[in-house]
Amino acid sequence: MRLAAYCAGPAWKGLVLFALLALVGCDQSPQAHRFEGPIFGTGYHVTVYGDFSDKQLASLEDGIKESLDEVDHLMSTYKPDSELSRFNAAPVDEPFELSSPTASVIEEAIDIGDLSNGAFDVTIGSAVNLWGFGPEMRPDEVPSDDEIAQALDKVGYQALKLNGNRLTKTKPVYVDLSGIAKGFGVDQVAARLDALGVTSYLVEVGGEIRTRGEKPNGQPWRIAVEKPVSRERSVQRVLELEDVAVATSGDYRNYYEEDGQRFSHTIDPRTGRPITHHLASVTVVSERSATADGLATALEVLGPEKGMALANREDIAAYFIVKTNEGFKTELSESFHTYLADESSEGEKQ
């Protein structure tokens, strides 16, 4: 079976190819300063409010770039000399000394893997590559059962043993941090802005967002969750956020298709295959962007029933958009309601 590709292009992973969240009602205040540029195969957009000198603005811009470049240099699977690529190439059973940032991301990834019973697994890289959503070439045909089984032999985050900053693998796993590292990059930028004394900002990298404070008019940041359709840009729901992070995972902008069958970029680590359920997208609000990023991926893999059960059990603020024969329906976890703007925001156009 030959495959047709959609949204192909260079990126850490299919996840970073689409921005599911967009700013709504951007303030044109002269106190707003905006910085943007390419990173991780996508782009970053940072808005800060405040009275800054030219020297301070230059320092902000440099700090933002340095924070993101450091994460890219450490955790990209597309850079052969990155720390993560060097770990992936290292021998089995040999401790590898990580930087503190990479070790902290690995630690949180293991925690989310445990929380989700393996629905989130950063050793999924061999299966991601097999289906053509990693740095390797896209396949011409759907992988065979034998190929999938061979890839799954190299999957299992339990093979990662973290002792301080020393990481050891007990089998030849391939670690892919793209389901969490982009969010970590947002957190790093936020930490840099906090250190520089910025009290009102929004950081967005490829759709993952973190906010601080309010806008000068006293209003919270308003963020739009995009309707999960691939041929238009429209708003499904508007959120009001302050001092939190938000991330979305979905399957509608990066996939394969053949004979009407869609192969999502989201791979289930337990099967080695693209997810097939009807959960179109998951939006998670949390204190940290890395946490929101990883949890959104885990819930997307779990699907609408098991994902919502986990969200309610663990008090995760999650917003599900589910495909039905009649269109889309939305489902909210119990702790998500506090972030909703006016109910009339449902279905707004951008």
Protein backbone atom coordinates (compact mmCIF):
# COMPACT_ATOMS: atom_id res chain seq x y z
CA MET A 1 0.00 0.00 0.00
CA ARG A 2 1.59 3.28 -1.04
CA LEU A 3 1.22 6.35 1.08
CA ALA A 4 0.35 9.95 0.37
CA ALA A 5 1.84 12.43 2.82
CA TYR A 6 0.25 15.55 4.27
CA CYS A 7 2.04 18.38 6.05
CA ALA A 8 5.41 16.88 5.25
CA GLY A 9 8.48 18.91 6.03
CA PRO A 10 11.42 19.31 8.38
CA ALA A 11 10.51 19.34 12.06
CA TRP A 12 11.40 17.63 15.30
CA LYS A 13 8.28 15.56 14.95
CA GLY A 14 4.88 15.87 13.32
CA LEU A 15 3.65 17.37 16.58
CA VAL A 16 5.49 20.63 16.00
CA LEU A 17 4.23 21.12 12.46
CA PHE A 18 0.90 22.60 13.46
CA ALA A 19 -0.03 25.43 15.80
CA LEU A 20 -3.30 24.45 17.38
CA LEU A 21 -3.46 27.57 19.52
CA ALA A 22 -3.62 31.14 18.28
CA LEU A 23 -3.75 34.53 19.94
CA VAL A 24 -7.13 36.20 20.08
CA GLY A 25 -7.69 39.93 20.28
CA CYS A 26 -4.01 40.95 20.24
CA ASP A 27 -3.56 44.29 21.96
CA GLN A 28 -1.88 46.98 19.84
CA SER A 29 -0.68 48.91 22.90
CA PRO A 30 2.64 50.73 22.34
CA GLN A 31 3.88 48.90 25.44
CA ALA A 32 3.66 45.59 23.60
CA HIS A 33 7.00 44.27 22.33
CA ARG A 34 7.06 41.19 20.11
CA PHE A 35 9.86 38.82 19.20
CA GLU A 36 9.67 35.95 16.74
CA GLY A 37 11.78 33.60 14.66
CA PRO A 38 12.29 29.99 13.53
CA ILE A 39 13.06 27.15 15.92
CA PHE A 40 12.50 23.36 16.16
CA GLY A 41 11.25 23.23 12.56
CA THR A 42 8.46 25.64 13.52
CA GLY A 43 8.51 29.15 14.99
CA TYR A 44 8.36 31.08 18.24
CA HIS A 45 6.37 34.19 19.11
CA VAL A 46 6.89 36.10 22.35
CA THR A 47 4.91 39.14 23.48
CA VAL A 48 5.99 41.17 26.51
CA TYR A 49 4.46 44.28 28.05
CA GLY A 50 6.45 46.93 29.86
CA ASP A 51 8.61 50.01 29.51
CA PHE A 52 12.01 48.82 28.31
CA SER A 53 15.03 50.63 26.95
CA ASP A 54 16.56 49.58 23.64
CA LYS A 55 19.34 47.85 25.57
CA GLN A 56 16.83 45.92 27.67
CA LEU A 57 14.87 44.87 24.59
CA ALA A 58 18.07 43.61 22.97
CA SER A 59 18.82 41.63 26.12
CA LEU A 60 15.32 40.13 26.06
CA GLU A 61 15.66 39.11 22.43
CA ASP A 62 19.08 37.54 23.00
CA GLY A 63 17.84 35.69 26.08
CA ILE A 64 14.87 34.24 24.22
CA LYS A 65 17.04 32.99 21.35
CA GLU A 66 19.70 31.58 23.67
CA SER A 67 17.13 29.66 25.72
CA LEU A 68 15.56 28.03 22.66
CA ASP A 69 18.85 27.35 20.91
CA GLU A 70 20.15 25.56 24.01
CA VAL A 71 17.15 23.21 24.10
CA ASP A 72 17.50 22.55 20.37
CA HIS A 73 21.22 21.80 20.75
CA LEU A 74 20.58 19.43 23.66
CA MET A 75 17.41 17.58 22.65
CA SER A 76 16.94 17.58 18.88
CA THR A 77 16.94 14.23 17.09
CA TYR A 78 17.67 16.08 13.83
CA LYS A 79 21.11 17.26 14.97
CA PRO A 80 23.62 14.37 15.01
CA ASP A 81 25.79 16.22 17.52
CA SER A 82 22.98 17.02 19.97
CA GLU A 83 23.22 15.57 23.46
CA LEU A 84 20.18 13.39 22.81
CA SER A 85 21.56 12.07 19.50
CA ARG A 86 24.84 11.21 21.22
CA PHE A 87 22.96 9.32 23.94
CA ASN A 88 20.96 7.43 21.31
CA ALA A 89 24.24 6.40 19.66
CA ALA A 90 25.88 5.39 22.94
CA PRO A 91 26.32 1.72 23.93
CA VAL A 92 23.77 -0.18 26.02
CA ASP A 93 24.46 -0.45 29.78
CA GLU A 94 26.96 2.41 29.70
CA PRO A 95 26.05 5.44 31.90
CA PHE A 96 25.82 8.66 29.89
CA GLU A 97 26.29 12.00 31.68
CA LEU A 98 23.47 14.38 30.73
CA SER A 99 23.14 18.10 31.25
CA SER A 100 20.73 19.12 33.99
CA PRO A 101 18.08 20.37 31.52
CA THR A 102 17.99 17.09 29.58
CA ALA A 103 17.98 15.04 32.76
CA SER A 104 15.02 17.02 34.11
CA VAL A 105 13.05 16.46 30.89
CA ILE A 106 13.82 12.72 30.96
CA GLU A 107 12.72 12.55 34.60
CA GLU A 108 9.37 14.22 33.87
CA ALA A 109 8.87 12.05 30.78
CA ILE A 110 9.32 8.92 32.91
CA ASP A 111 6.83 10.27 35.46
CA ILE A 112 4.21 10.92 32.75
CA GLY A 113 4.91 7.47 31.31
CA ASP A 114 4.17 5.93 34.71
CA LEU A 115 1.06 8.10 35.18
CA SER A 116 -0.36 7.06 31.80
CA ASN A 117 0.62 3.37 32.03
CA GLY A 118 2.93 3.74 29.04
CA ALA A 119 0.69 5.80 26.75
CA PHE A 120 3.47 8.41 26.84
CA ASP A 121 6.83 6.84 26.06
CA VAL A 122 9.86 8.83 24.91
CA THR A 123 11.50 5.66 23.60
CA ILE A 124 8.91 5.54 20.82
CA GLY A 125 11.51 6.92 18.41
CA SER A 126 12.09 3.70 16.47
CA ALA A 127 8.37 3.39 15.70
CA VAL A 128 8.09 7.11 14.89
CA ASN A 129 10.97 6.78 12.44
CA LEU A 130 9.47 3.62 10.94
CA TRP A 131 6.27 5.48 10.07
CA GLY A 132 8.25 8.41 8.65
CA PHE A 133 7.54 11.05 11.29
CA GLY A 134 11.11 11.32 12.55
CA PRO A 135 14.38 12.44 10.95
CA GLU A 136 14.60 9.36 8.72
CA MET A 137 13.10 9.13 5.22
CA ARG A 138 9.36 8.59 4.85
CA PRO A 139 8.43 5.04 3.81
CA ASP A 140 6.88 4.33 0.43
CA GLU A 141 4.59 1.74 1.93
CA VAL A 142 2.82 1.03 5.21
CA PRO A 143 5.23 -0.85 7.51
CA SER A 144 4.68 -4.61 7.77
CA ASP A 145 3.72 -6.42 10.96
CA ASP A 146 7.26 -7.79 11.22
CA GLU A 147 8.78 -4.32 10.85
CA ILE A 148 6.47 -2.95 13.53
CA ALA A 149 7.34 -5.84 15.86
CA GLN A 150 11.05 -5.18 15.34
CA ALA A 151 10.55 -1.50 16.12
CA LEU A 152 8.61 -2.35 19.29
CA ASP A 153 11.51 -4.48 20.49
CA LYS A 154 13.35 -1.16 20.91
CA VAL A 155 10.49 0.60 22.71
CA GLY A 156 10.02 0.75 26.48
CA TYR A 157 10.86 3.72 28.70
CA GLN A 158 11.38 1.27 31.57
CA ALA A 159 14.74 0.55 29.92
CA LEU A 160 15.86 4.07 30.93
CA LYS A 161 17.57 4.25 34.31
CA LEU A 162 18.20 7.79 35.55
CA ASN A 163 20.56 8.27 38.47
CA GLY A 164 21.06 11.97 39.05
CA ASN A 165 22.21 13.23 35.67
CA ARG A 166 23.48 9.81 34.56
CA LEU A 167 21.20 7.99 32.15
CA THR A 168 21.64 4.34 31.24
CA LYS A 169 19.66 2.28 28.75
CA THR A 170 19.32 -1.45 29.33
CA LYS A 171 18.37 -2.16 25.71
CA PRO A 172 18.95 -0.26 22.42
CA VAL A 173 16.12 2.25 22.73
CA TYR A 174 15.90 5.42 20.64
CA VAL A 175 14.74 8.39 22.72
CA ASP A 176 12.57 11.04 21.05
CA LEU A 177 11.72 13.97 23.34
CA SER A 178 9.61 15.90 20.84
CA GLY A 179 6.43 15.19 22.80
CA ILE A 180 7.74 17.21 25.75
CA ALA A 181 10.90 19.15 24.85
CA LYS A 182 9.11 21.86 22.89
CA GLY A 183 7.07 22.64 25.99
CA PHE A 184 10.28 22.63 28.01
CA GLY A 185 11.66 25.24 25.60
CA VAL A 186 8.67 27.45 26.39
CA ASP A 187 9.39 27.00 30.12
CA GLN A 188 13.02 27.95 29.62
CA VAL A 189 12.05 31.16 27.86
CA ALA A 190 9.55 31.93 30.62
CA ALA A 191 12.25 31.38 33.26
CA ARG A 192 14.59 33.74 31.41
CA LEU A 193 11.90 36.44 31.20
CA ASP A 194 11.12 36.01 34.91
CA ALA A 195 14.81 36.42 35.73
CA LEU A 196 14.91 39.61 33.66
CA GLY A 197 12.00 41.06 35.62
CA VAL A 198 9.27 40.79 32.98
CA THR A 199 5.87 40.52 34.72
CA SER A 200 3.52 40.37 31.72
CA TYR A 201 4.27 38.06 28.81
CA LEU A 202 3.07 35.32 26.51
CA VAL A 203 5.48 32.73 25.06
CA GLU A 204 4.40 30.52 22.17
CA VAL A 205 6.48 27.88 20.38
CA GLY A 206 4.74 25.86 17.69
CA GLY A 207 1.42 26.13 19.49
CA GLU A 208 2.60 25.48 23.07
CA ILE A 209 1.97 28.52 25.26
CA ARG A 210 2.81 29.94 28.66
CA THR A 211 1.57 33.18 30.14
CA ARG A 212 2.53 35.48 33.00
CA GLY A 213 0.45 38.21 34.59
CA GLU A 214 -2.23 40.23 32.83
CA LYS A 215 -2.29 42.64 29.92
CA PRO A 216 -2.06 46.36 30.79
CA ASN A 217 -5.85 46.72 30.60
CA GLY A 218 -6.20 44.21 33.43
CA GLN A 219 -7.62 41.51 31.16
CA PRO A 220 -6.29 37.94 31.09
CA TRP A 221 -4.57 36.52 28.03
CA ARG A 222 -7.18 35.12 25.64
CA ILE A 223 -6.13 32.02 23.73
CA ALA A 224 -8.06 30.28 20.95
CA VAL A 225 -8.24 26.51 20.63
CA GLU A 226 -8.42 25.76 16.93
CA LYS A 227 -11.20 23.65 15.43
CA PRO A 228 -9.59 20.35 14.32
CA VAL A 229 -10.13 20.60 10.58
CA SER A 230 -7.25 20.60 8.11
CA ARG A 231 -8.58 22.95 5.41
CA GLU A 232 -9.61 26.01 7.40
CA ARG A 233 -8.56 28.02 10.44
CA SER A 234 -11.41 28.63 12.86
CA VAL A 235 -11.76 28.86 16.62
CA GLN A 236 -13.43 26.10 18.59
CA ARG A 237 -13.16 27.69 22.05
CA VAL A 238 -11.54 30.72 23.70
CA LEU A 239 -9.62 30.31 26.98
CA GLU A 240 -8.66 32.96 29.52
CA LEU A 241 -5.25 32.31 31.05
CA GLU A 242 -3.00 33.86 33.66
CA ASP A 243 0.25 32.36 35.00
CA VAL A 244 -0.34 28.97 33.37
CA ALA A 245 0.72 26.93 30.35
CA VAL A 246 -1.39 25.33 27.64
CA ALA A 247 -0.57 22.69 25.03
CA THR A 248 -2.55 20.82 22.39
CA SER A 249 -2.01 17.46 20.73
CA GLY A 250 -3.96 16.44 17.62
CA ASP A 251 -3.83 14.31 14.50
CA TYR A 252 -5.43 16.51 11.87
CA ARG A 253 -2.50 18.45 10.36
CA ASN A 254 0.18 15.79 10.00
CA TYR A 255 -0.73 12.36 8.68
CA TYR A 256 -0.56 9.86 5.85
CA GLU A 257 -3.59 8.85 3.84
CA GLU A 258 -4.23 5.96 1.49
CA ASP A 259 -7.60 4.75 0.14
CA GLY A 260 -9.39 6.96 2.62
CA GLN A 261 -7.50 5.60 5.66
CA ARG A 262 -5.63 8.16 7.73
CA PHE A 263 -2.37 7.31 9.47
CA SER A 264 -1.86 9.79 12.31
CA HIS A 265 1.55 11.10 13.33
CA THR A 266 0.62 10.15 16.91
CA ILE A 267 2.01 6.65 17.47
CA ASP A 268 0.70 4.46 20.28
CA PRO A 269 3.83 3.15 22.08
CA ARG A 270 1.95 0.03 23.13
CA THR A 271 1.14 -1.07 19.57
CA GLY A 272 3.74 0.71 17.45
CA ARG A 273 0.94 1.93 15.18
CA PRO A 274 -0.81 5.28 14.61
CA ILE A 275 -3.81 5.88 16.83
CA THR A 276 -7.17 4.97 15.27
CA HIS A 277 -9.74 6.28 17.76
CA HIS A 278 -11.88 9.39 17.23
CA LEU A 279 -10.19 11.86 19.57
CA ALA A 280 -9.22 14.69 17.21
CA SER A 281 -7.37 16.92 19.67
CA VAL A 282 -6.61 17.38 23.36
CA THR A 283 -5.80 20.70 25.05
CA VAL A 284 -4.24 20.62 28.51
CA VAL A 285 -3.70 23.51 30.93
CA SER A 286 -1.01 23.11 33.58
CA GLU A 287 1.51 25.14 35.56
CA ARG A 288 4.38 24.22 33.23
CA SER A 289 4.41 23.89 29.47
CA ALA A 290 6.52 20.71 29.49
CA THR A 291 3.94 19.06 31.73
CA ALA A 292 1.04 20.24 29.56
CA ASP A 293 2.89 19.09 26.43
CA GLY A 294 3.55 15.58 27.70
CA LEU A 295 0.10 15.12 29.22
CA ALA A 296 -1.63 16.27 26.02
CA THR A 297 0.26 13.63 24.06
CA ALA A 298 -0.54 10.93 26.63
CA LEU A 299 -4.26 11.75 26.64
CA GLU A 300 -4.32 11.83 22.83
CA VAL A 301 -2.88 8.32 22.74
CA LEU A 302 -5.30 7.03 25.39
CA GLY A 303 -8.37 8.24 23.49
CA PRO A 304 -11.62 9.86 24.63
CA GLU A 305 -12.79 7.38 27.29
CA LYS A 306 -9.54 6.32 28.96
CA GLY A 307 -8.02 9.76 28.49
CA MET A 308 -10.92 11.54 30.20
CA ALA A 309 -10.90 8.98 33.01
CA LEU A 310 -7.22 9.71 33.65
CA ALA A 311 -7.77 13.48 33.45
CA ASN A 312 -10.52 13.41 36.06
CA ARG A 313 -8.71 10.96 38.32
CA GLU A 314 -5.49 13.03 38.32
CA ASP A 315 -7.17 16.48 38.30
CA ILE A 316 -5.79 17.35 34.85
CA ALA A 317 -7.46 20.32 33.14
CA ALA A 318 -8.20 18.84 29.71
CA TYR A 319 -10.43 19.79 26.77
CA PHE A 320 -11.25 17.05 24.25
CA ILE A 321 -12.58 17.47 20.73
CA VAL A 322 -14.02 14.16 19.49
CA LYS A 323 -14.99 13.26 15.93
CA THR A 324 -18.50 11.87 15.46
CA ASN A 325 -20.69 11.02 12.46
CA GLU A 326 -22.47 14.35 12.98
CA GLY A 327 -19.30 16.45 13.30
CA PHE A 328 -17.32 17.30 16.42
CA LYS A 329 -18.33 17.21 20.05
CA THR A 330 -16.40 18.66 22.99
CA GLU A 331 -15.78 17.09 26.39
CA LEU A 332 -14.25 18.85 29.40
CA SER A 333 -12.57 17.40 32.45
CA GLU A 334 -13.90 18.56 35.78
CA SER A 335 -11.01 20.98 36.45
CA PHE A 336 -11.03 22.61 32.99
CA HIS A 337 -14.11 24.83 33.40
CA THR A 338 -12.25 27.58 35.24
CA TYR A 339 -10.29 28.48 32.08
CA LEU A 340 -13.25 29.05 29.76
CA ALA A 341 -14.12 32.47 28.44
CA ASP A 342 -17.73 33.40 27.66
CA GLU A 343 -19.73 30.38 26.45
CA SER A 344 -20.51 32.30 23.26
CA SER A 345 -16.87 31.85 22.21
CA GLU A 346 -17.64 28.30 21.06
CA GLY A 347 -17.16 28.09 17.32
CA GLU A 348 -15.79 31.61 16.72
CA LYS A 349 -13.98 32.31 13.45
CA GLN A 350 -10.40 33.59 13.54
